[in-house]
Amino acid sequence: MITRRTHVALLAVSLLLTGCGGGAVAGTRTAPTPSPAPARATPSPEISVEVAPQQIPGLGPRTRAKIPARARQAVVVTGRGRDSPLSTVVLWERTEAGWRAGASWPAHNALKGWSDHHMAGDLRSPIGVYTLTDAGGLLKNPGTKLPYDRGVGFTAPGTGFEGEPLAGSFDYVIAINYNRRPGTSPLDWTRPLGAGRGGGIWLHVDHGGPTHGCVSIAEKHMKELLLALDPDLRPVVVMGDAGSLNR
């Protein structure tokens, strides 16, 4: 476990302005019968072999081309519509047999949906494929293999767009490497594309409403995701509305 102590409470407030950090059957007894002559075994018609897809369903050629060849984990966030704050998260893992899907989790994204060119304050989540290298939160590390930064800077103040309290939203976060420097705390303020392009885009605990730009899932699912992600598998997030991802 790698811990980087960060105490930047004021930064959490600033992050909110640009991103979310800136949702038996009984048997039947019969009489014995004489044993029949040995016969060659034949496959049961009820047995089927599950074949994993070679490509993740719902992703078009342009989106697939952006997934690094070395990436063996992909968190796919599929938005319900271009302007919708509702989405679904599925963790896929690449095996020798193909991509295998994990559980499907309901999620929230930004209030106004999605954007190909995210800007600070546009209340849209950025479409794209981004690496996942760093995590953190207000609570102690639940056991993730990702570098984890715990500190009071992850305190989430105020209320959301629907009046719901934001407290606990940053108990667990995973930094999405959009306009940030990988290998640093999610609270790091470095913006390679400039402050105007926003930042502080995270996967975090759902507070029951739309986000500023992040993707949020239930706390228990965040813990599951943190435990599943492995830096050795080069995890990425593939995110956007269904129509954009299918391009």
C-alpha atoms as a PDB file:
ATOM      1  CA  MET A   1       0.000   0.000   0.000  1.00  0.00           C
ATOM      2  CA  ILE A   2       1.312   3.405  -0.997  1.00  0.00           C
ATOM      3  CA  THR A   3       0.064   6.291   1.096  1.00  0.00           C
ATOM      4  CA  ARG A   4       0.576   9.953   0.364  1.00  0.00           C
ATOM      5  CA  ARG A   5      -0.787  12.194   3.095  1.00  0.00           C
ATOM      6  CA  THR A   6      -2.396  15.303   1.700  1.00  0.00           C
ATOM      7  CA  HIS A   7      -4.168  17.986   3.713  1.00  0.00           C
ATOM      8  CA  VAL A   8      -5.629  20.391   1.183  1.00  0.00           C
ATOM      9  CA  ALA A   9      -9.176  21.095   2.321  1.00  0.00           C
ATOM     10  CA  LEU A  10      -9.430  24.299   0.298  1.00  0.00           C
ATOM     11  CA  LEU A  11      -8.531  22.409  -2.856  1.00  0.00           C
ATOM     12  CA  ALA A  12     -11.583  20.160  -2.557  1.00  0.00           C
ATOM     13  CA  VAL A  13     -13.796  23.240  -2.736  1.00  0.00           C
ATOM     14  CA  SER A  14     -11.963  24.483  -5.832  1.00  0.00           C
ATOM     15  CA  LEU A  15     -12.292  21.104  -7.526  1.00  0.00           C
ATOM     16  CA  LEU A  16     -16.051  21.259  -7.203  1.00  0.00           C
ATOM     17  CA  LEU A  17     -16.047  24.256  -9.518  1.00  0.00           C
ATOM     18  CA  THR A  18     -14.413  22.426 -12.428  1.00  0.00           C
ATOM     19  CA  GLY A  19     -15.165  18.743 -11.918  1.00  0.00           C
ATOM     20  CA  CYS A  20     -16.733  16.550  -9.266  1.00  0.00           C
ATOM     21  CA  GLY A  21     -13.537  16.807  -7.345  1.00  0.00           C
ATOM     22  CA  GLY A  22     -12.636  20.249  -8.883  1.00  0.00           C
ATOM     23  CA  GLY A  23     -24.495   6.287  -8.001  1.00  0.00           C
ATOM     24  CA  ALA A  24     -34.320 -26.870  -4.867  1.00  0.00           C
ATOM     25  CA  VAL A  25     -35.949 -29.196  -6.722  1.00  0.00           C
ATOM     26  CA  ALA A  26     -36.728 -32.536  -5.017  1.00  0.00           C
ATOM     27  CA  GLY A  27     -35.487 -35.659  -6.776  1.00  0.00           C
ATOM     28  CA  THR A  28     -37.681 -38.559  -7.893  1.00  0.00           C
ATOM     29  CA  ARG A  29     -36.950 -42.008  -6.486  1.00  0.00           C
ATOM     30  CA  THR A  30     -37.300 -44.915  -8.955  1.00  0.00           C
ATOM     31  CA  ALA A  31     -36.727 -48.672  -8.824  1.00  0.00           C
ATOM     32  CA  PRO A  32     -33.317 -49.858  -9.975  1.00  0.00           C
ATOM     33  CA  THR A  33     -33.045 -51.171 -13.521  1.00  0.00           C
ATOM     34  CA  PRO A  34     -30.498 -53.522 -15.048  1.00  0.00           C
ATOM     35  CA  SER A  35     -27.357 -51.787 -16.234  1.00  0.00           C
ATOM     36  CA  PRO A  36     -27.344 -51.330 -20.000  1.00  0.00           C
ATOM     37  CA  ALA A  37     -24.441 -52.311 -22.185  1.00  0.00           C
ATOM     38  CA  PRO A  38     -21.633 -49.729 -22.194  1.00  0.00           C
ATOM     39  CA  ALA A  39     -22.163 -47.040 -24.796  1.00  0.00           C
ATOM     40  CA  ARG A  40     -19.971 -44.279 -26.144  1.00  0.00           C
ATOM     41  CA  ALA A  41     -20.573 -41.055 -24.249  1.00  0.00           C
ATOM     42  CA  THR A  42     -22.181 -38.213 -26.182  1.00  0.00           C
ATOM     43  CA  PRO A  43     -22.179 -34.537 -25.256  1.00  0.00           C
ATOM     44  CA  SER A  44     -25.219 -33.349 -23.320  1.00  0.00           C
ATOM     45  CA  PRO A  45     -27.361 -30.981 -25.429  1.00  0.00           C
ATOM     46  CA  GLU A  46     -27.843 -28.844 -22.308  1.00  0.00           C
ATOM     47  CA  ILE A  47     -24.144 -28.026 -21.985  1.00  0.00           C
ATOM     48  CA  SER A  48     -23.052 -24.815 -23.676  1.00  0.00           C
ATOM     49  CA  VAL A  49     -19.682 -23.112 -23.703  1.00  0.00           C
ATOM     50  CA  GLU A  50     -19.611 -19.382 -23.007  1.00  0.00           C
ATOM     51  CA  VAL A  51     -17.410 -17.589 -25.490  1.00  0.00           C
ATOM     52  CA  ALA A  52     -16.105 -14.203 -24.442  1.00  0.00           C
ATOM     53  CA  PRO A  53     -16.338 -11.509 -27.122  1.00  0.00           C
ATOM     54  CA  GLN A  54     -13.061 -10.455 -28.696  1.00  0.00           C
ATOM     55  CA  GLN A  55     -14.254  -6.831 -28.584  1.00  0.00           C
ATOM     56  CA  ILE A  56     -16.298  -5.037 -25.939  1.00  0.00           C
ATOM     57  CA  PRO A  57     -19.907  -4.729 -27.198  1.00  0.00           C
ATOM     58  CA  GLY A  58     -21.136  -1.205 -27.834  1.00  0.00           C
ATOM     59  CA  LEU A  59     -17.739   0.225 -28.740  1.00  0.00           C
ATOM     60  CA  GLY A  60     -17.147   1.317 -32.304  1.00  0.00           C
ATOM     61  CA  PRO A  61     -13.826   1.092 -34.182  1.00  0.00           C
ATOM     62  CA  ARG A  62     -12.730   4.623 -33.325  1.00  0.00           C
ATOM     63  CA  THR A  63     -13.297   4.058 -29.592  1.00  0.00           C
ATOM     64  CA  ARG A  64     -11.667   0.616 -29.616  1.00  0.00           C
ATOM     65  CA  ALA A  65      -8.590   2.038 -31.325  1.00  0.00           C
ATOM     66  CA  LYS A  66      -8.037   4.346 -28.355  1.00  0.00           C
ATOM     67  CA  ILE A  67      -7.806   1.462 -25.858  1.00  0.00           C
ATOM     68  CA  PRO A  68      -4.085   0.706 -25.344  1.00  0.00           C
ATOM     69  CA  ALA A  69      -3.046  -2.768 -26.489  1.00  0.00           C
ATOM     70  CA  ARG A  70      -1.545  -3.444 -23.051  1.00  0.00           C
ATOM     71  CA  ALA A  71      -4.765  -2.540 -21.197  1.00  0.00           C
ATOM     72  CA  ARG A  72      -6.364  -5.656 -19.708  1.00  0.00           C
ATOM     73  CA  GLN A  73      -8.997  -3.886 -17.601  1.00  0.00           C
ATOM     74  CA  ALA A  74     -11.536  -1.410 -18.948  1.00  0.00           C
ATOM     75  CA  VAL A  75     -14.136   0.416 -16.869  1.00  0.00           C
ATOM     76  CA  VAL A  76     -16.813   1.162 -19.479  1.00  0.00           C
ATOM     77  CA  VAL A  77     -19.160   4.034 -18.600  1.00  0.00           C
ATOM     78  CA  THR A  78     -22.070   4.150 -21.039  1.00  0.00           C
ATOM     79  CA  GLY A  79     -24.288   7.216 -20.847  1.00  0.00           C
ATOM     80  CA  ARG A  80     -27.984   6.895 -21.509  1.00  0.00           C
ATOM     81  CA  GLY A  81     -27.946   9.898 -23.845  1.00  0.00           C
ATOM     82  CA  ARG A  82     -25.799  12.787 -24.976  1.00  0.00           C
ATOM     83  CA  ASP A  83     -27.571  15.176 -22.581  1.00  0.00           C
ATOM     84  CA  SER A  84     -28.464  12.676 -19.849  1.00  0.00           C
ATOM     85  CA  PRO A  85     -26.876  12.467 -16.375  1.00  0.00           C
ATOM     86  CA  LEU A  86     -27.634   8.731 -16.128  1.00  0.00           C
ATOM     87  CA  SER A  87     -25.210   6.003 -17.116  1.00  0.00           C
ATOM     88  CA  THR A  88     -24.077   2.425 -16.480  1.00  0.00           C
ATOM     89  CA  VAL A  89     -20.661   1.172 -15.386  1.00  0.00           C
ATOM     90  CA  VAL A  90     -19.228  -2.260 -16.254  1.00  0.00           C
ATOM     91  CA  LEU A  91     -15.713  -3.511 -15.509  1.00  0.00           C
ATOM     92  CA  TRP A  92     -14.355  -5.609 -18.379  1.00  0.00           C
ATOM     93  CA  GLU A  93     -11.224  -7.749 -18.203  1.00  0.00           C
ATOM     94  CA  ARG A  94      -9.263  -8.994 -21.202  1.00  0.00           C
ATOM     95  CA  THR A  95      -8.414 -12.711 -21.062  1.00  0.00           C
ATOM     96  CA  GLU A  96      -6.871 -15.106 -23.560  1.00  0.00           C
ATOM     97  CA  ALA A  97     -10.424 -16.055 -24.559  1.00  0.00           C
ATOM     98  CA  GLY A  98     -11.528 -12.443 -25.032  1.00  0.00           C
ATOM     99  CA  TRP A  99     -13.112  -9.666 -22.962  1.00  0.00           C
ATOM    100  CA  ARG A 100     -15.211 -10.764 -19.972  1.00  0.00           C
ATOM    101  CA  ALA A 101     -17.732  -8.499 -18.272  1.00  0.00           C
ATOM    102  CA  GLY A 102     -18.215  -8.044 -14.559  1.00  0.00           C
ATOM    103  CA  ALA A 103     -21.296  -6.721 -12.805  1.00  0.00           C
ATOM    104  CA  SER A 104     -23.322  -3.834 -14.233  1.00  0.00           C
ATOM    105  CA  TRP A 105     -23.765  -0.845 -11.904  1.00  0.00           C
ATOM    106  CA  PRO A 106     -26.056   2.191 -12.251  1.00  0.00           C
ATOM    107  CA  ALA A 107     -24.206   5.495 -12.237  1.00  0.00           C
ATOM    108  CA  HIS A 108     -24.490   9.255 -12.551  1.00  0.00           C
ATOM    109  CA  ASN A 109     -22.436  11.487 -14.801  1.00  0.00           C
ATOM    110  CA  ALA A 110     -22.488  15.258 -15.276  1.00  0.00           C
ATOM    111  CA  LEU A 111     -25.731  17.236 -15.079  1.00  0.00           C
ATOM    112  CA  LYS A 112     -25.804  18.177 -18.777  1.00  0.00           C
ATOM    113  CA  GLY A 113     -24.425  14.910 -20.129  1.00  0.00           C
ATOM    114  CA  TRP A 114     -21.292  14.519 -22.233  1.00  0.00           C
ATOM    115  CA  SER A 115     -18.829  16.546 -24.297  1.00  0.00           C
ATOM    116  CA  ASP A 116     -16.114  15.815 -26.876  1.00  0.00           C
ATOM    117  CA  HIS A 117     -14.387  19.007 -25.744  1.00  0.00           C
ATOM    118  CA  HIS A 118     -14.879  19.352 -22.007  1.00  0.00           C
ATOM    119  CA  MET A 119     -14.399  22.832 -20.578  1.00  0.00           C
ATOM    120  CA  ALA A 120     -14.305  24.011 -16.975  1.00  0.00           C
ATOM    121  CA  GLY A 121     -17.811  24.651 -15.695  1.00  0.00           C
ATOM    122  CA  ASP A 122     -19.693  23.210 -18.704  1.00  0.00           C
ATOM    123  CA  LEU A 123     -21.330  20.571 -16.457  1.00  0.00           C
ATOM    124  CA  ARG A 124     -20.554  17.825 -18.967  1.00  0.00           C
ATOM    125  CA  SER A 125     -18.370  14.748 -18.547  1.00  0.00           C
ATOM    126  CA  PRO A 126     -15.470  14.311 -20.996  1.00  0.00           C
ATOM    127  CA  ILE A 127     -15.857  11.615 -23.640  1.00  0.00           C
ATOM    128  CA  GLY A 128     -12.804   9.456 -24.210  1.00  0.00           C
ATOM    129  CA  VAL A 129     -10.451   6.721 -23.039  1.00  0.00           C
ATOM    130  CA  TYR A 130      -8.290   7.608 -20.042  1.00  0.00           C
ATOM    131  CA  THR A 131      -5.873   5.667 -17.883  1.00  0.00           C
ATOM    132  CA  LEU A 132      -6.532   4.984 -14.187  1.00  0.00           C
ATOM    133  CA  THR A 133      -3.432   5.144 -12.019  1.00  0.00           C
ATOM    134  CA  ASP A 134      -4.279   6.827  -8.696  1.00  0.00           C
ATOM    135  CA  ALA A 135      -6.882   6.664  -5.956  1.00  0.00           C
ATOM    136  CA  GLY A 136      -7.636   8.244  -2.615  1.00  0.00           C
ATOM    137  CA  GLY A 137     -10.339   9.290  -0.243  1.00  0.00           C
ATOM    138  CA  LEU A 138     -11.444  10.516   3.118  1.00  0.00           C
ATOM    139  CA  LEU A 139     -11.577   6.942   4.443  1.00  0.00           C
ATOM    140  CA  LYS A 140      -8.676   4.539   4.855  1.00  0.00           C
ATOM    141  CA  ASN A 141      -7.492   2.420   1.959  1.00  0.00           C
ATOM    142  CA  PRO A 142      -9.968  -0.489   1.556  1.00  0.00           C
ATOM    143  CA  GLY A 143      -7.215  -2.653   0.077  1.00  0.00           C
ATOM    144  CA  THR A 144      -6.712  -1.354  -3.444  1.00  0.00           C
ATOM    145  CA  LYS A 145      -3.476  -2.032  -5.329  1.00  0.00           C
ATOM    146  CA  LEU A 146      -3.583   1.479  -6.760  1.00  0.00           C
ATOM    147  CA  PRO A 147      -1.543   4.158  -4.970  1.00  0.00           C
ATOM    148  CA  TYR A 148      -3.961   5.592  -2.393  1.00  0.00           C
ATOM    149  CA  ASP A 149      -3.902   9.064  -0.849  1.00  0.00           C
ATOM    150  CA  ARG A 150      -5.952   9.584   2.304  1.00  0.00           C
ATOM    151  CA  GLY A 151      -6.587  13.045   3.708  1.00  0.00           C
ATOM    152  CA  VAL A 152      -9.060  15.737   4.735  1.00  0.00           C
ATOM    153  CA  GLY A 153      -8.723  17.288   1.287  1.00  0.00           C
ATOM    154  CA  PHE A 154     -11.314  14.747   0.191  1.00  0.00           C
ATOM    155  CA  THR A 155     -14.024  16.337   2.336  1.00  0.00           C
ATOM    156  CA  ALA A 156     -17.058  17.072   0.139  1.00  0.00           C
ATOM    157  CA  PRO A 157     -19.007  20.142   1.305  1.00  0.00           C
ATOM    158  CA  GLY A 158     -22.445  21.491   0.402  1.00  0.00           C
ATOM    159  CA  THR A 159     -25.319  19.977  -1.548  1.00  0.00           C
ATOM    160  CA  GLY A 160     -25.833  18.635  -5.058  1.00  0.00           C
ATOM    161  CA  PHE A 161     -28.023  19.837  -7.918  1.00  0.00           C
ATOM    162  CA  GLU A 162     -31.098  18.135  -6.444  1.00  0.00           C
ATOM    163  CA  GLY A 163     -30.474  19.333  -2.889  1.00  0.00           C
ATOM    164  CA  GLU A 164     -28.854  16.080  -1.790  1.00  0.00           C
ATOM    165  CA  PRO A 165     -25.924  16.329   0.658  1.00  0.00           C
ATOM    166  CA  LEU A 166     -22.513  15.742  -0.875  1.00  0.00           C
ATOM    167  CA  ALA A 167     -20.999  14.490   2.386  1.00  0.00           C
ATOM    168  CA  GLY A 168     -19.260  11.158   1.798  1.00  0.00           C
ATOM    169  CA  SER A 169     -18.995  11.574  -1.979  1.00  0.00           C
ATOM    170  CA  PHE A 170     -15.207  11.554  -1.809  1.00  0.00           C
ATOM    171  CA  ASP A 171     -14.870   8.801   0.784  1.00  0.00           C
ATOM    172  CA  TYR A 172     -13.391   6.778  -2.108  1.00  0.00           C
ATOM    173  CA  VAL A 173     -12.217   8.233  -5.411  1.00  0.00           C
ATOM    174  CA  ILE A 174     -10.291   7.065  -8.463  1.00  0.00           C
ATOM    175  CA  ALA A 175      -8.696   9.812 -10.517  1.00  0.00           C
ATOM    176  CA  ILE A 176      -9.531   9.742 -14.226  1.00  0.00           C
ATOM    177  CA  ASN A 177      -6.437  10.860 -16.103  1.00  0.00           C
ATOM    178  CA  TYR A 178      -8.154  13.641 -18.001  1.00  0.00           C
ATOM    179  CA  ASN A 179      -6.095  16.856 -17.893  1.00  0.00           C
ATOM    180  CA  ARG A 180      -4.034  15.709 -14.927  1.00  0.00           C
ATOM    181  CA  ARG A 181      -0.565  14.357 -14.196  1.00  0.00           C
ATOM    182  CA  PRO A 182      -0.645  10.551 -13.705  1.00  0.00           C
ATOM    183  CA  GLY A 183       1.183   9.192 -10.698  1.00  0.00           C
ATOM    184  CA  THR A 184       0.085  11.951  -8.323  1.00  0.00           C
ATOM    185  CA  SER A 185      -2.651  12.351  -5.723  1.00  0.00           C
ATOM    186  CA  PRO A 186      -6.156  12.888  -7.152  1.00  0.00           C
ATOM    187  CA  LEU A 187      -5.912  16.275  -5.403  1.00  0.00           C
ATOM    188  CA  ASP A 188      -2.934  17.372  -7.522  1.00  0.00           C
ATOM    189  CA  TRP A 189      -3.864  20.607  -9.306  1.00  0.00           C
ATOM    190  CA  THR A 190      -1.544  20.262 -12.332  1.00  0.00           C
ATOM    191  CA  ARG A 191      -3.541  20.816 -15.553  1.00  0.00           C
ATOM    192  CA  PRO A 192      -1.448  19.977 -18.669  1.00  0.00           C
ATOM    193  CA  LEU A 193      -4.178  21.252 -21.024  1.00  0.00           C
ATOM    194  CA  GLY A 194      -4.667  24.431 -18.999  1.00  0.00           C
ATOM    195  CA  ALA A 195      -7.186  25.339 -16.313  1.00  0.00           C
ATOM    196  CA  GLY A 196      -9.804  26.251 -18.928  1.00  0.00           C
ATOM    197  CA  ARG A 197     -10.152  22.600 -19.942  1.00  0.00           C
ATOM    198  CA  GLY A 198     -11.308  21.610 -16.467  1.00  0.00           C
ATOM    199  CA  GLY A 199     -10.027  18.803 -14.293  1.00  0.00           C
ATOM    200  CA  GLY A 200     -10.688  16.950 -11.073  1.00  0.00           C
ATOM    201  CA  ILE A 201     -12.651  14.308 -13.010  1.00  0.00           C
ATOM    202  CA  TRP A 202     -13.032  11.280 -10.776  1.00  0.00           C
ATOM    203  CA  LEU A 203     -14.912   8.051 -10.226  1.00  0.00           C
ATOM    204  CA  HIS A 204     -16.389   8.539  -6.759  1.00  0.00           C
ATOM    205  CA  VAL A 205     -19.198   7.608  -4.362  1.00  0.00           C
ATOM    206  CA  ASP A 206     -22.675   8.429  -5.659  1.00  0.00           C
ATOM    207  CA  HIS A 207     -24.585  11.113  -3.752  1.00  0.00           C
ATOM    208  CA  GLY A 208     -27.921  10.469  -5.464  1.00  0.00           C
ATOM    209  CA  GLY A 209     -27.808  13.075  -8.203  1.00  0.00           C
ATOM    210  CA  PRO A 210     -25.908  14.430 -11.227  1.00  0.00           C
ATOM    211  CA  THR A 211     -22.276  15.423 -10.909  1.00  0.00           C
ATOM    212  CA  HIS A 212     -20.193  18.380 -12.094  1.00  0.00           C
ATOM    213  CA  GLY A 213     -18.212  16.186 -14.487  1.00  0.00           C
ATOM    214  CA  CYS A 214     -17.328  12.971 -12.646  1.00  0.00           C
ATOM    215  CA  VAL A 215     -18.860   9.500 -12.718  1.00  0.00           C
ATOM    216  CA  SER A 216     -20.385   8.234  -9.455  1.00  0.00           C
ATOM    217  CA  ILE A 217     -21.469   4.783  -8.304  1.00  0.00           C
ATOM    218  CA  ALA A 218     -22.727   3.395  -4.981  1.00  0.00           C
ATOM    219  CA  GLU A 219     -20.173   3.173  -2.172  1.00  0.00           C
ATOM    220  CA  LYS A 220     -20.167  -0.646  -2.117  1.00  0.00           C
ATOM    221  CA  HIS A 221     -19.487  -0.670  -5.846  1.00  0.00           C
ATOM    222  CA  MET A 222     -16.670   1.829  -5.455  1.00  0.00           C
ATOM    223  CA  LYS A 223     -15.051  -0.494  -2.925  1.00  0.00           C
ATOM    224  CA  GLU A 224     -15.490  -3.440  -5.299  1.00  0.00           C
ATOM    225  CA  LEU A 225     -13.926  -1.456  -8.115  1.00  0.00           C
ATOM    226  CA  LEU A 226     -11.005  -0.330  -5.964  1.00  0.00           C
ATOM    227  CA  LEU A 227     -10.330  -3.925  -4.943  1.00  0.00           C
ATOM    228  CA  ALA A 228     -10.571  -5.174  -8.544  1.00  0.00           C
ATOM    229  CA  LEU A 229      -8.339  -2.645 -10.297  1.00  0.00           C
ATOM    230  CA  ASP A 230      -4.743  -3.744 -10.677  1.00  0.00           C
ATOM    231  CA  PRO A 231      -1.976  -1.442 -11.973  1.00  0.00           C
ATOM    232  CA  ASP A 232      -0.283  -4.475 -13.560  1.00  0.00           C
ATOM    233  CA  LEU A 233      -3.365  -4.852 -15.800  1.00  0.00           C
ATOM    234  CA  ARG A 234      -3.068  -1.255 -17.052  1.00  0.00           C
ATOM    235  CA  PRO A 235      -6.682  -0.225 -16.304  1.00  0.00           C
ATOM    236  CA  VAL A 236      -8.449   2.429 -18.362  1.00  0.00           C
ATOM    237  CA  VAL A 237     -11.863   4.051 -18.290  1.00  0.00           C
ATOM    238  CA  VAL A 238     -13.866   4.235 -21.519  1.00  0.00           C
ATOM    239  CA  MET A 239     -16.576   6.841 -21.041  1.00  0.00           C
ATOM    240  CA  GLY A 240     -19.243   8.648 -23.029  1.00  0.00           C
ATOM    241  CA  ASP A 241     -22.826   8.460 -24.201  1.00  0.00           C
ATOM    242  CA  ALA A 242     -23.799   5.252 -26.065  1.00  0.00           C
ATOM    243  CA  GLY A 243     -23.913   6.968 -29.446  1.00  0.00           C
ATOM    244  CA  SER A 244     -20.440   8.463 -29.102  1.00  0.00           C
ATOM    245  CA  LEU A 245     -18.877   5.231 -27.845  1.00  0.00           C
ATOM    246  CA  ASN A 246     -20.307   3.324 -30.810  1.00  0.00           C
ATOM    247  CA  ARG A 247     -18.378   5.450 -33.296  1.00  0.00           C
END
